Amino acid sequence: MIVLHAAFPIESEKLDDALSLADDLVEASNREPGTIEYRATTDVQDEHVVRFFEQYEDAEAFEAHTQTDHFQAFEDRLPDLLAGEPDVRRFEVSDATDLDL
């Protein structure tokens, strides 16, 4: 499984645009074959940081995601929205377990 965590600092006056784009991206990405889960949220300590949590069955599913029109549309607009450097991390996970809380 491939897991991505991405944090994007967004210009305050462009936050509504970024959230609308993120909403469209999440909706379309969750319909892709090989996507386990795709979520976006704002950071509770800094509402101008949009965080993505993505899970894919494998590297091929992730690569296919990066070629979709909805991903490309988000990526094309992203430089105009950013207030700083994004932080994107990719994890290759061999095992995951649900925890009871």
N, C-alpha and C. Protein backbone atom coordinates (compact mmCIF):
# COMPACT_ATOMS: atom_id res chain seq x y z
N MET A 1 0.85 -1.17 0.00
CA MET A 1 0.00 0.00 0.00
C MET A 1 0.90 1.23 0.00
N ILE A 2 0.47 2.25 -0.73
CA ILE A 2 1.15 3.54 -0.77
C ILE A 2 0.30 4.53 0.01
N VAL A 3 0.93 5.26 0.93
CA VAL A 3 0.26 6.29 1.72
C VAL A 3 0.98 7.60 1.48
N LEU A 4 0.22 8.64 1.24
CA LEU A 4 0.78 9.98 1.10
C LEU A 4 0.17 10.90 2.14
N HIS A 5 1.01 11.77 2.68
CA HIS A 5 0.55 12.86 3.53
C HIS A 5 1.14 14.12 2.92
N ALA A 6 0.29 15.08 2.64
CA ALA A 6 0.75 16.34 2.05
C ALA A 6 0.15 17.50 2.82
N ALA A 7 0.96 18.51 3.06
CA ALA A 7 0.51 19.73 3.72
C ALA A 7 0.84 20.90 2.82
N PHE A 8 -0.18 21.71 2.52
CA PHE A 8 -0.02 22.85 1.64
C PHE A 8 -0.40 24.13 2.37
N PRO A 9 0.56 25.03 2.63
CA PRO A 9 0.21 26.33 3.21
C PRO A 9 -0.42 27.20 2.11
N ILE A 10 -1.60 27.72 2.40
CA ILE A 10 -2.38 28.45 1.40
C ILE A 10 -2.48 29.93 1.78
N GLU A 11 -2.35 30.79 0.78
CA GLU A 11 -2.57 32.23 0.99
C GLU A 11 -3.97 32.44 1.56
N SER A 12 -4.09 33.25 2.60
CA SER A 12 -5.38 33.40 3.29
C SER A 12 -6.50 33.86 2.36
N GLU A 13 -6.20 34.76 1.44
CA GLU A 13 -7.25 35.26 0.54
C GLU A 13 -7.62 34.25 -0.55
N LYS A 14 -6.87 33.17 -0.64
CA LYS A 14 -7.14 32.15 -1.66
C LYS A 14 -7.64 30.84 -1.05
N LEU A 15 -7.90 30.85 0.26
CA LEU A 15 -8.29 29.62 0.94
C LEU A 15 -9.60 29.05 0.40
N ASP A 16 -10.60 29.88 0.15
CA ASP A 16 -11.88 29.37 -0.37
C ASP A 16 -11.68 28.69 -1.72
N ASP A 17 -10.87 29.27 -2.59
CA ASP A 17 -10.59 28.65 -3.89
C ASP A 17 -9.88 27.31 -3.71
N ALA A 18 -8.91 27.29 -2.80
CA ALA A 18 -8.16 26.05 -2.55
C ALA A 18 -9.07 24.96 -2.01
N LEU A 19 -9.96 25.31 -1.10
CA LEU A 19 -10.86 24.31 -0.52
C LEU A 19 -11.85 23.78 -1.55
N SER A 20 -12.30 24.65 -2.44
CA SER A 20 -13.21 24.21 -3.51
C SER A 20 -12.49 23.24 -4.45
N LEU A 21 -11.26 23.57 -4.82
CA LEU A 21 -10.46 22.68 -5.67
C LEU A 21 -10.19 21.36 -4.96
N ALA A 22 -9.87 21.43 -3.67
CA ALA A 22 -9.60 20.21 -2.89
C ALA A 22 -10.85 19.34 -2.82
N ASP A 23 -12.01 19.94 -2.64
CA ASP A 23 -13.26 19.19 -2.58
C ASP A 23 -13.49 18.43 -3.88
N ASP A 24 -13.29 19.10 -5.01
CA ASP A 24 -13.45 18.45 -6.31
C ASP A 24 -12.44 17.32 -6.48
N LEU A 25 -11.20 17.56 -6.05
CA LEU A 25 -10.14 16.56 -6.16
C LEU A 25 -10.46 15.33 -5.32
N VAL A 26 -10.91 15.54 -4.09
CA VAL A 26 -11.24 14.42 -3.20
C VAL A 26 -12.38 13.59 -3.78
N GLU A 27 -13.42 14.27 -4.23
CA GLU A 27 -14.58 13.55 -4.77
C GLU A 27 -14.18 12.67 -5.95
N ALA A 28 -13.45 13.23 -6.90
CA ALA A 28 -13.06 12.47 -8.09
C ALA A 28 -12.04 11.39 -7.76
N SER A 29 -11.10 11.69 -6.87
CA SER A 29 -10.04 10.73 -6.54
C SER A 29 -10.58 9.50 -5.85
N ASN A 30 -11.60 9.67 -5.03
CA ASN A 30 -12.19 8.51 -4.33
C ASN A 30 -12.90 7.56 -5.28
N ARG A 31 -13.16 7.98 -6.51
CA ARG A 31 -13.79 7.10 -7.50
C ARG A 31 -12.78 6.35 -8.36
N GLU A 32 -11.50 6.64 -8.18
CA GLU A 32 -10.47 6.01 -9.00
C GLU A 32 -10.24 4.56 -8.58
N PRO A 33 -10.04 3.67 -9.55
CA PRO A 33 -9.65 2.30 -9.21
C PRO A 33 -8.31 2.32 -8.47
N GLY A 34 -8.21 1.54 -7.42
CA GLY A 34 -6.96 1.45 -6.68
C GLY A 34 -6.81 2.46 -5.57
N THR A 35 -7.74 3.40 -5.47
CA THR A 35 -7.72 4.35 -4.35
C THR A 35 -8.47 3.73 -3.18
N ILE A 36 -7.80 3.61 -2.05
CA ILE A 36 -8.43 3.07 -0.84
C ILE A 36 -9.16 4.19 -0.11
N GLU A 37 -8.48 5.31 0.08
CA GLU A 37 -9.09 6.46 0.74
C GLU A 37 -8.34 7.71 0.33
N TYR A 38 -9.08 8.80 0.16
CA TYR A 38 -8.49 10.09 -0.24
C TYR A 38 -9.24 11.17 0.50
N ARG A 39 -8.56 11.88 1.39
CA ARG A 39 -9.20 12.88 2.23
C ARG A 39 -8.40 14.17 2.26
N ALA A 40 -9.09 15.27 2.48
CA ALA A 40 -8.44 16.57 2.69
C ALA A 40 -9.11 17.25 3.86
N THR A 41 -8.33 18.03 4.58
CA THR A 41 -8.84 18.76 5.74
C THR A 41 -7.98 19.99 5.98
N THR A 42 -8.50 20.90 6.77
CA THR A 42 -7.67 22.02 7.20
C THR A 42 -7.05 21.65 8.55
N ASP A 43 -5.89 22.17 8.79
CA ASP A 43 -5.17 21.91 10.04
C ASP A 43 -5.89 22.62 11.18
N VAL A 44 -6.07 21.94 12.31
CA VAL A 44 -6.78 22.55 13.44
C VAL A 44 -5.99 23.66 14.10
N GLN A 45 -4.67 23.69 13.92
CA GLN A 45 -3.86 24.75 14.52
C GLN A 45 -3.54 25.87 13.54
N ASP A 46 -3.75 25.63 12.27
CA ASP A 46 -3.51 26.66 11.25
C ASP A 46 -4.47 26.41 10.10
N GLU A 47 -5.57 27.15 10.10
CA GLU A 47 -6.62 26.93 9.10
C GLU A 47 -6.18 27.22 7.68
N HIS A 48 -5.01 27.79 7.49
CA HIS A 48 -4.50 28.08 6.15
C HIS A 48 -3.59 26.97 5.61
N VAL A 49 -3.53 25.86 6.33
CA VAL A 49 -2.81 24.69 5.85
C VAL A 49 -3.83 23.62 5.49
N VAL A 50 -3.80 23.19 4.24
CA VAL A 50 -4.68 22.11 3.78
C VAL A 50 -3.85 20.84 3.75
N ARG A 51 -4.36 19.81 4.41
CA ARG A 51 -3.66 18.53 4.49
C ARG A 51 -4.42 17.46 3.72
N PHE A 52 -3.66 16.65 3.01
CA PHE A 52 -4.22 15.52 2.27
C PHE A 52 -3.69 14.23 2.88
N PHE A 53 -4.56 13.25 3.01
CA PHE A 53 -4.19 11.90 3.42
C PHE A 53 -4.71 10.98 2.34
N GLU A 54 -3.80 10.24 1.71
CA GLU A 54 -4.15 9.42 0.56
C GLU A 54 -3.64 7.99 0.76
N GLN A 55 -4.47 7.02 0.42
CA GLN A 55 -4.08 5.61 0.47
C GLN A 55 -4.41 4.96 -0.88
N TYR A 56 -3.42 4.25 -1.41
CA TYR A 56 -3.59 3.55 -2.70
C TYR A 56 -3.21 2.09 -2.52
N GLU A 57 -3.83 1.24 -3.32
CA GLU A 57 -3.52 -0.19 -3.25
C GLU A 57 -2.05 -0.47 -3.58
N ASP A 58 -1.51 0.29 -4.54
CA ASP A 58 -0.13 0.04 -4.96
C ASP A 58 0.41 1.26 -5.70
N ALA A 59 1.68 1.18 -6.08
CA ALA A 59 2.33 2.29 -6.77
C ALA A 59 1.68 2.60 -8.11
N GLU A 60 1.17 1.58 -8.78
CA GLU A 60 0.53 1.80 -10.07
C GLU A 60 -0.73 2.65 -9.92
N ALA A 61 -1.49 2.41 -8.86
CA ALA A 61 -2.70 3.21 -8.60
C ALA A 61 -2.33 4.66 -8.32
N PHE A 62 -1.25 4.87 -7.56
CA PHE A 62 -0.82 6.23 -7.29
C PHE A 62 -0.37 6.91 -8.58
N GLU A 63 0.42 6.23 -9.38
CA GLU A 63 0.89 6.81 -10.65
C GLU A 63 -0.28 7.14 -11.57
N ALA A 64 -1.28 6.27 -11.61
CA ALA A 64 -2.46 6.54 -12.43
C ALA A 64 -3.18 7.79 -11.93
N HIS A 65 -3.24 7.95 -10.61
CA HIS A 65 -3.87 9.14 -10.02
C HIS A 65 -3.19 10.42 -10.51
N THR A 66 -1.87 10.42 -10.57
CA THR A 66 -1.14 11.62 -10.97
C THR A 66 -1.37 12.00 -12.43
N GLN A 67 -1.95 11.09 -13.20
CA GLN A 67 -2.20 11.35 -14.61
C GLN A 67 -3.64 11.77 -14.89
N THR A 68 -4.49 11.81 -13.87
CA THR A 68 -5.90 12.15 -14.08
C THR A 68 -6.09 13.64 -14.34
N ASP A 69 -7.17 13.98 -15.00
CA ASP A 69 -7.48 15.38 -15.28
C ASP A 69 -7.69 16.17 -13.98
N HIS A 70 -8.37 15.56 -12.99
CA HIS A 70 -8.65 16.30 -11.76
C HIS A 70 -7.37 16.56 -10.96
N PHE A 71 -6.43 15.63 -10.96
CA PHE A 71 -5.15 15.87 -10.29
C PHE A 71 -4.37 16.96 -11.02
N GLN A 72 -4.33 16.88 -12.34
CA GLN A 72 -3.61 17.87 -13.13
C GLN A 72 -4.20 19.27 -12.95
N ALA A 73 -5.53 19.36 -12.86
CA ALA A 73 -6.18 20.66 -12.65
C ALA A 73 -5.77 21.25 -11.31
N PHE A 74 -5.73 20.42 -10.27
CA PHE A 74 -5.29 20.90 -8.95
C PHE A 74 -3.83 21.32 -8.99
N GLU A 75 -3.00 20.49 -9.56
CA GLU A 75 -1.56 20.77 -9.62
C GLU A 75 -1.28 22.05 -10.41
N ASP A 76 -2.03 22.28 -11.48
CA ASP A 76 -1.83 23.48 -12.29
C ASP A 76 -2.15 24.76 -11.51
N ARG A 77 -3.16 24.71 -10.66
CA ARG A 77 -3.59 25.88 -9.90
C ARG A 77 -2.79 26.08 -8.61
N LEU A 78 -2.17 25.03 -8.12
CA LEU A 78 -1.51 25.06 -6.82
C LEU A 78 -0.47 26.17 -6.66
N PRO A 79 0.43 26.41 -7.60
CA PRO A 79 1.45 27.45 -7.39
C PRO A 79 0.85 28.83 -7.08
N ASP A 80 -0.31 29.13 -7.65
CA ASP A 80 -0.95 30.42 -7.42
C ASP A 80 -1.60 30.51 -6.04
N LEU A 81 -1.82 29.36 -5.39
CA LEU A 81 -2.50 29.32 -4.10
C LEU A 81 -1.56 29.28 -2.91
N LEU A 82 -0.35 28.82 -3.14
CA LEU A 82 0.58 28.54 -2.04
C LEU A 82 1.12 29.79 -1.35
N ALA A 83 1.26 29.67 -0.02
CA ALA A 83 1.86 30.72 0.79
C ALA A 83 3.24 30.30 1.27
N GLY A 84 3.71 29.15 0.83
CA GLY A 84 5.00 28.64 1.25
C GLY A 84 5.25 27.29 0.59
N GLU A 85 6.27 26.61 1.04
CA GLU A 85 6.65 25.32 0.47
C GLU A 85 5.73 24.20 0.95
N PRO A 86 5.23 23.37 0.05
CA PRO A 86 4.47 22.20 0.47
C PRO A 86 5.38 21.15 1.11
N ASP A 87 4.80 20.32 1.93
CA ASP A 87 5.50 19.19 2.54
C ASP A 87 4.73 17.94 2.13
N VAL A 88 5.34 17.12 1.28
CA VAL A 88 4.69 15.92 0.77
C VAL A 88 5.57 14.71 1.09
N ARG A 89 4.96 13.72 1.73
CA ARG A 89 5.70 12.51 2.09
C ARG A 89 4.97 11.28 1.60
N ARG A 90 5.75 10.36 1.06
CA ARG A 90 5.21 9.10 0.54
C ARG A 90 5.73 7.96 1.41
N PHE A 91 4.84 7.07 1.79
CA PHE A 91 5.18 5.92 2.62
C PHE A 91 4.78 4.65 1.88
N GLU A 92 5.64 3.66 1.89
CA GLU A 92 5.29 2.35 1.38
C GLU A 92 5.02 1.47 2.60
N VAL A 93 3.80 1.00 2.71
CA VAL A 93 3.34 0.30 3.90
C VAL A 93 3.09 -1.16 3.56
N SER A 94 3.73 -2.04 4.31
CA SER A 94 3.54 -3.48 4.06
C SER A 94 2.46 -4.07 4.93
N ASP A 95 2.08 -3.38 6.02
CA ASP A 95 1.08 -3.92 6.92
C ASP A 95 0.35 -2.77 7.60
N ALA A 96 -0.95 -2.91 7.76
CA ALA A 96 -1.75 -1.93 8.48
C ALA A 96 -2.78 -2.69 9.31
N THR A 97 -2.99 -2.21 10.52
CA THR A 97 -3.91 -2.87 11.45
C THR A 97 -4.87 -1.84 12.01
N ASP A 98 -6.15 -2.19 12.05
CA ASP A 98 -7.13 -1.33 12.72
C ASP A 98 -6.94 -1.42 14.21
N LEU A 99 -7.05 -0.30 14.88
CA LEU A 99 -6.91 -0.26 16.33
C LEU A 99 -8.26 0.02 16.98
N ASP A 100 -8.56 -0.64 18.07
CA ASP A 100 -9.74 -0.35 18.85
C ASP A 100 -9.39 0.71 19.87
N LEU A 101 -10.19 1.74 19.93
CA LEU A 101 -9.95 2.81 20.91
C LEU A 101 -11.02 2.79 21.96
